[in-house]
Amino acid sequence: MEEINRFFNDKNDVRSDADINRSQTAEYLETVKAFSRLTYQSLYVIDYQTREFDYVSDNPLFLCGKTSEEVKEMGYAFYFQNVKPEDVELLIKINEAGFNFYDKIPVEERKLYSISYDFNLINGKKNMVLVNHKLTPMFLTEEGQIWKALCIVSLSNSTSAGNIVISREGSDDVWKFDPEAGKWLKDEKIKLSQRESEILSLYASGLTINEIAEKLFISADTVKFHRKKLFEKIGVNNIAEALAYAQTNKLL
C-alpha cells in the first residue's frame, strides 16, 4: 500500500469528508462504457478519493494477460507488476509534476487541461509495448481537486518513454516537462499546413498516393513532397506513424 501511495500527491488528497457534489456522476459510467465500445483505445477511470479504478475497459493489448475486472481489482498495483521499474519511477515523477502544475491553474479552468505521456508495459515475460496515456479530469471536489479522472491508453507513436505534455482545450499552448531539470517548458502545438492536413485526411480515408493526387489535382510527386515535409515536421518515419501521431495529438 505504501508503494501505491507514491502515485498520489498531497495537493490532490481527496479526503473521505471532502465536499463533493455527487449528483454530477449520475449514470456517468454508462457513458464511459459506450465510448469504450466505439474506440480501439483502452479506457479507465481513477477515483482519487478511494485510490482505486472505477472502471477498466476490456482491451487485451493493454491488460498484460489479465481481464479488465482483474486489473480493476488490482488498481495501481497493476503498474508495479507490469511496468519497468525505471518507468514506474518516471510515472511517479510525472504524477508529482502534473499535480504541482495543476495546483496553479484557476479552479474554473481545471477541466480544460489534459496530460499525455509514454511508458513501457511488460506484456508477457519479455515483450514490451510502448503506450501513450492521456488523463483529464472528469469531476472535481468543491475545492477544485480531481475527484475522478478519465484515462485513455493507446499505442505510442514515439520510440522511448517520457514525452510528457500538458495541453489546454481551445489553446495552441502546450507545456513539456523535462524530467532531468524538473521543469515545465511552454511551447506551441505543431500546426499543419492546409495541404498537409488534406493529404493526411485522405490517407486516413484509405486512399493511395495516386488517388490522393487525383483528388487534389496535383501530381503524385507533389503528394510525396508534402508527405516528406509532414514526416519531418512531426518527427515520424511513415504514414502509419503519422496517422497515429495525428490521432494522439488531435491534428485531424
Protein backbone atom coordinates (compact mmCIF):
# COMPACT_ATOMS: atom_id res chain seq x y z
CA MET A 1 0.00 0.00 0.00
CA GLU A 2 2.87 2.36 0.80
CA GLU A 3 4.28 1.88 -2.71
CA ILE A 4 0.91 2.58 -4.31
CA ASN A 5 0.53 5.80 -2.31
CA ARG A 6 3.59 7.14 -4.12
CA PHE A 7 1.33 7.61 -7.14
CA PHE A 8 -0.73 10.18 -5.21
CA ASN A 9 0.04 13.73 -4.19
CA ASP A 10 -0.79 15.76 -1.09
CA LYS A 11 -2.01 18.59 -3.33
CA ASN A 12 -4.77 16.27 -4.56
CA ASP A 13 -5.53 14.41 -1.33
CA VAL A 14 -9.30 13.92 -1.63
CA ARG A 15 -10.31 13.15 1.96
CA SER A 16 -13.27 10.96 2.88
CA ASP A 17 -15.08 14.09 4.15
CA ALA A 18 -14.28 16.19 1.07
CA ASP A 19 -17.04 18.48 -0.16
CA ILE A 20 -18.21 16.74 -3.35
CA ASN A 21 -21.31 17.25 -5.44
CA ARG A 22 -22.04 13.58 -6.07
CA SER A 23 -25.06 14.27 -8.25
CA GLN A 24 -22.70 15.08 -11.13
CA THR A 25 -21.80 11.40 -11.53
CA ALA A 26 -25.31 10.10 -12.29
CA GLU A 27 -25.01 7.28 -14.86
CA TYR A 28 -21.61 8.56 -15.97
CA LEU A 29 -20.11 5.07 -16.19
CA GLU A 30 -22.68 4.13 -18.82
CA THR A 31 -21.34 6.97 -20.98
CA VAL A 32 -17.75 5.78 -20.49
CA LYS A 33 -18.72 2.21 -21.37
CA ALA A 34 -20.49 3.41 -24.52
CA PHE A 35 -17.39 5.34 -25.55
CA SER A 36 -15.21 2.26 -24.96
CA ARG A 37 -17.34 0.29 -27.43
CA LEU A 38 -16.55 2.82 -30.17
CA THR A 39 -12.77 3.11 -29.83
CA TYR A 40 -9.75 0.83 -30.27
CA GLN A 41 -8.19 2.63 -27.31
CA SER A 42 -8.44 1.42 -23.73
CA LEU A 43 -10.25 3.46 -21.09
CA TYR A 44 -10.12 3.52 -17.33
CA VAL A 45 -11.44 5.80 -14.62
CA ILE A 46 -9.48 6.73 -11.48
CA ASP A 47 -11.20 7.64 -8.22
CA TYR A 48 -8.70 9.77 -6.28
CA GLN A 49 -10.73 9.53 -3.08
CA THR A 50 -10.69 5.73 -2.88
CA ARG A 51 -7.40 5.49 -4.82
CA GLU A 52 -8.92 2.77 -6.95
CA PHE A 53 -10.18 2.28 -10.51
CA ASP A 54 -13.92 2.76 -11.07
CA TYR A 55 -13.80 1.15 -14.49
CA VAL A 56 -11.35 -0.60 -16.84
CA SER A 57 -12.34 -1.36 -20.43
CA ASP A 58 -11.74 -4.77 -21.96
CA ASN A 59 -8.79 -4.36 -24.33
CA PRO A 60 -6.34 -7.33 -24.29
CA LEU A 61 -3.47 -5.33 -25.80
CA PHE A 62 -3.11 -3.22 -22.66
CA LEU A 63 -4.13 -5.66 -19.90
CA CYS A 64 -0.96 -7.81 -19.89
CA GLY A 65 -2.81 -11.11 -19.90
CA LYS A 66 -5.35 -10.13 -17.24
CA THR A 67 -9.06 -9.48 -17.50
CA SER A 68 -10.43 -5.97 -17.12
CA GLU A 69 -12.00 -6.98 -13.81
CA GLU A 70 -8.66 -8.28 -12.52
CA VAL A 71 -6.94 -5.01 -13.44
CA LYS A 72 -9.79 -3.05 -11.83
CA GLU A 73 -9.34 -5.00 -8.59
CA MET A 74 -5.56 -4.57 -8.68
CA GLY A 75 -5.72 -0.82 -9.18
CA TYR A 76 -2.29 0.80 -9.08
CA ALA A 77 -0.67 -2.49 -8.08
CA PHE A 78 -1.05 -3.35 -11.79
CA TYR A 79 1.70 -0.86 -12.62
CA PHE A 80 4.17 -2.24 -10.12
CA GLN A 81 3.70 -5.69 -11.67
CA ASN A 82 3.59 -4.76 -15.34
CA VAL A 83 5.73 -1.65 -15.85
CA LYS A 84 9.53 -1.49 -16.00
CA PRO A 85 10.89 -0.30 -12.60
CA GLU A 86 12.53 2.76 -14.15
CA ASP A 87 9.25 3.65 -15.86
CA VAL A 88 7.38 3.26 -12.56
CA GLU A 89 9.72 5.90 -11.12
CA LEU A 90 9.03 8.04 -14.19
CA LEU A 91 5.26 7.72 -13.65
CA ILE A 92 5.63 8.77 -10.02
CA LYS A 93 7.66 11.80 -11.10
CA ILE A 94 5.02 12.66 -13.72
CA ASN A 95 2.26 12.49 -11.09
CA GLU A 96 4.13 14.85 -8.78
CA ALA A 97 4.99 17.31 -11.56
CA GLY A 98 1.47 17.15 -13.01
CA PHE A 99 -0.28 17.88 -9.73
CA ASN A 100 2.15 20.70 -8.93
CA PHE A 101 1.30 22.23 -12.32
CA TYR A 102 -2.42 21.63 -11.82
CA ASP A 103 -2.39 23.28 -8.39
CA LYS A 104 -1.51 26.61 -10.03
CA ILE A 105 -4.42 26.54 -12.52
CA PRO A 106 -7.57 28.53 -11.60
CA VAL A 107 -10.25 26.10 -10.36
CA GLU A 108 -12.75 27.13 -13.05
CA GLU A 109 -10.27 26.17 -15.81
CA ARG A 110 -9.01 22.86 -14.48
CA LYS A 111 -11.26 20.61 -16.54
CA LEU A 112 -9.82 22.13 -19.72
CA TYR A 113 -6.39 20.59 -19.18
CA SER A 114 -5.07 17.13 -20.01
CA ILE A 115 -1.72 15.41 -19.66
CA SER A 116 -0.09 12.94 -22.05
CA TYR A 117 2.96 10.70 -21.54
CA ASP A 118 4.54 7.45 -22.75
CA PHE A 119 5.84 4.40 -20.86
CA ASN A 120 6.54 0.70 -21.38
CA LEU A 121 4.12 -2.04 -20.39
CA ILE A 122 5.54 -5.54 -19.95
CA ASN A 123 3.14 -7.65 -21.98
CA GLY A 124 4.28 -11.21 -21.33
CA LYS A 125 7.60 -12.40 -19.92
CA LYS A 126 9.82 -10.48 -22.33
CA ASN A 127 7.57 -8.49 -24.64
CA MET A 128 7.23 -4.78 -24.02
CA VAL A 129 4.85 -2.34 -25.65
CA LEU A 130 5.27 1.44 -25.52
CA VAL A 131 1.92 3.02 -24.69
CA ASN A 132 0.59 6.53 -24.51
CA HIS A 133 -1.52 7.64 -21.58
CA LYS A 134 -3.81 10.65 -21.67
CA LEU A 135 -5.53 11.80 -18.48
CA THR A 136 -8.10 14.54 -17.96
CA PRO A 137 -10.34 15.49 -15.01
CA MET A 138 -13.96 14.35 -15.08
CA PHE A 139 -15.27 15.50 -11.71
CA LEU A 140 -13.80 17.91 -9.16
CA THR A 141 -14.35 18.49 -5.48
CA GLU A 142 -15.78 21.86 -4.46
CA GLU A 143 -12.19 22.94 -3.68
CA GLY A 144 -11.05 22.05 -7.19
CA GLN A 145 -9.22 18.79 -6.52
CA ILE A 146 -9.59 16.00 -9.06
CA TRP A 147 -12.09 13.50 -7.70
CA LYS A 148 -12.38 11.29 -10.78
CA ALA A 149 -10.28 11.29 -13.95
CA LEU A 150 -10.66 9.61 -17.33
CA CYS A 151 -7.60 7.93 -18.85
CA ILE A 152 -7.16 6.80 -22.44
CA VAL A 153 -4.46 4.27 -23.32
CA SER A 154 -3.23 3.73 -26.89
CA LEU A 155 -0.09 2.60 -28.68
CA SER A 156 2.54 5.32 -28.64
CA ASN A 157 3.96 6.72 -31.88
CA SER A 158 7.21 7.56 -30.04
CA THR A 159 10.29 5.39 -29.63
CA SER A 160 11.01 5.92 -25.93
CA ALA A 161 9.27 6.62 -22.62
CA GLY A 162 8.59 10.16 -21.43
CA ASN A 163 7.25 12.77 -23.90
CA ILE A 164 5.28 14.45 -21.11
CA VAL A 165 2.96 17.16 -22.36
CA ILE A 166 0.13 19.17 -20.82
CA SER A 167 -2.34 20.82 -23.19
CA ARG A 168 -5.32 23.11 -22.74
CA GLU A 169 -8.55 22.80 -24.70
CA GLY A 170 -9.03 25.71 -27.09
CA SER A 171 -5.40 26.82 -26.91
CA ASP A 172 -2.30 26.29 -29.05
CA ASP A 173 -0.14 26.41 -25.94
CA VAL A 174 1.41 23.22 -24.58
CA TRP A 175 3.77 22.62 -21.67
CA LYS A 176 6.50 19.99 -21.97
CA PHE A 177 8.13 18.53 -18.86
CA ASP A 178 11.87 17.96 -18.65
CA PRO A 179 12.31 15.16 -16.05
CA GLU A 180 16.05 15.84 -15.67
CA ALA A 181 15.62 19.54 -14.95
CA GLY A 182 12.28 19.07 -13.21
CA LYS A 183 10.77 21.98 -15.17
CA TRP A 184 7.79 22.66 -17.41
CA LEU A 185 8.68 24.47 -20.64
CA LYS A 186 5.99 26.34 -22.55
CA ASP A 187 5.70 25.60 -26.29
CA GLU A 188 3.10 25.64 -29.08
CA LYS A 189 1.26 22.80 -30.75
CA ILE A 190 2.52 21.73 -34.16
CA LYS A 191 0.39 23.25 -36.90
CA LEU A 192 -0.13 21.52 -40.23
CA SER A 193 -0.49 23.42 -43.48
CA GLN A 194 -3.80 23.10 -45.31
CA ARG A 195 -2.20 20.80 -47.89
CA GLU A 196 -0.61 18.59 -45.20
CA SER A 197 -3.98 18.30 -43.45
CA GLU A 198 -5.71 17.40 -46.71
CA ILE A 199 -3.17 14.72 -47.59
CA LEU A 200 -3.21 13.24 -44.08
CA SER A 201 -7.01 13.17 -44.04
CA LEU A 202 -7.13 11.42 -47.40
CA TYR A 203 -4.56 8.87 -46.23
CA ALA A 204 -6.78 8.27 -43.20
CA SER A 205 -9.63 7.56 -45.62
CA GLY A 206 -7.56 4.76 -47.17
CA LEU A 207 -6.60 6.46 -50.45
CA THR A 208 -3.34 5.69 -52.26
CA ILE A 209 -0.80 8.30 -53.40
CA ASN A 210 -2.20 8.31 -56.93
CA GLU A 211 -5.79 8.57 -55.70
CA ILE A 212 -4.84 11.47 -53.42
CA ALA A 213 -3.08 13.21 -56.31
CA GLU A 214 -6.16 12.82 -58.49
CA LYS A 215 -8.44 14.06 -55.73
CA LEU A 216 -6.34 17.19 -55.11
CA PHE A 217 -5.49 17.83 -58.81
CA ILE A 218 -1.75 17.59 -58.15
CA SER A 219 0.97 15.15 -59.19
CA ALA A 220 1.94 12.05 -57.21
CA ASP A 221 5.41 13.59 -56.74
CA THR A 222 3.81 16.65 -55.14
CA VAL A 223 1.93 14.38 -52.74
CA LYS A 224 5.23 12.69 -51.86
CA PHE A 225 6.90 16.08 -51.34
CA HIS A 226 4.23 17.24 -48.86
CA ARG A 227 4.25 13.85 -47.17
CA LYS A 228 8.02 14.09 -46.65
CA LYS A 229 7.68 17.60 -45.18
CA LEU A 230 4.91 16.35 -42.89
CA PHE A 231 7.05 13.46 -41.62
CA GLU A 232 9.91 15.87 -40.86
CA LYS A 233 7.61 18.31 -39.09
CA ILE A 234 6.10 15.80 -36.68
CA GLY A 235 9.13 13.51 -36.39
CA VAL A 236 7.79 10.24 -37.82
CA ASN A 237 9.07 7.77 -40.43
CA ASN A 238 5.98 6.52 -42.23
CA ILE A 239 2.31 7.20 -42.82
CA ALA A 240 1.15 4.76 -40.12
CA GLU A 241 3.17 6.68 -37.52
CA ALA A 242 1.89 9.98 -38.94
CA LEU A 243 -1.72 8.87 -38.61
CA ALA A 244 -1.10 7.63 -35.06
CA TYR A 245 0.55 10.95 -34.17
CA ALA A 246 -2.35 12.90 -35.69
CA GLN A 247 -4.85 10.84 -33.70
CA THR A 248 -2.94 11.23 -30.45
CA ASN A 249 -2.36 14.96 -30.88
CA LYS A 250 -5.76 15.85 -32.36
CA LEU A 251 -4.40 17.07 -35.68
CA LEU A 252 -7.30 15.65 -37.67
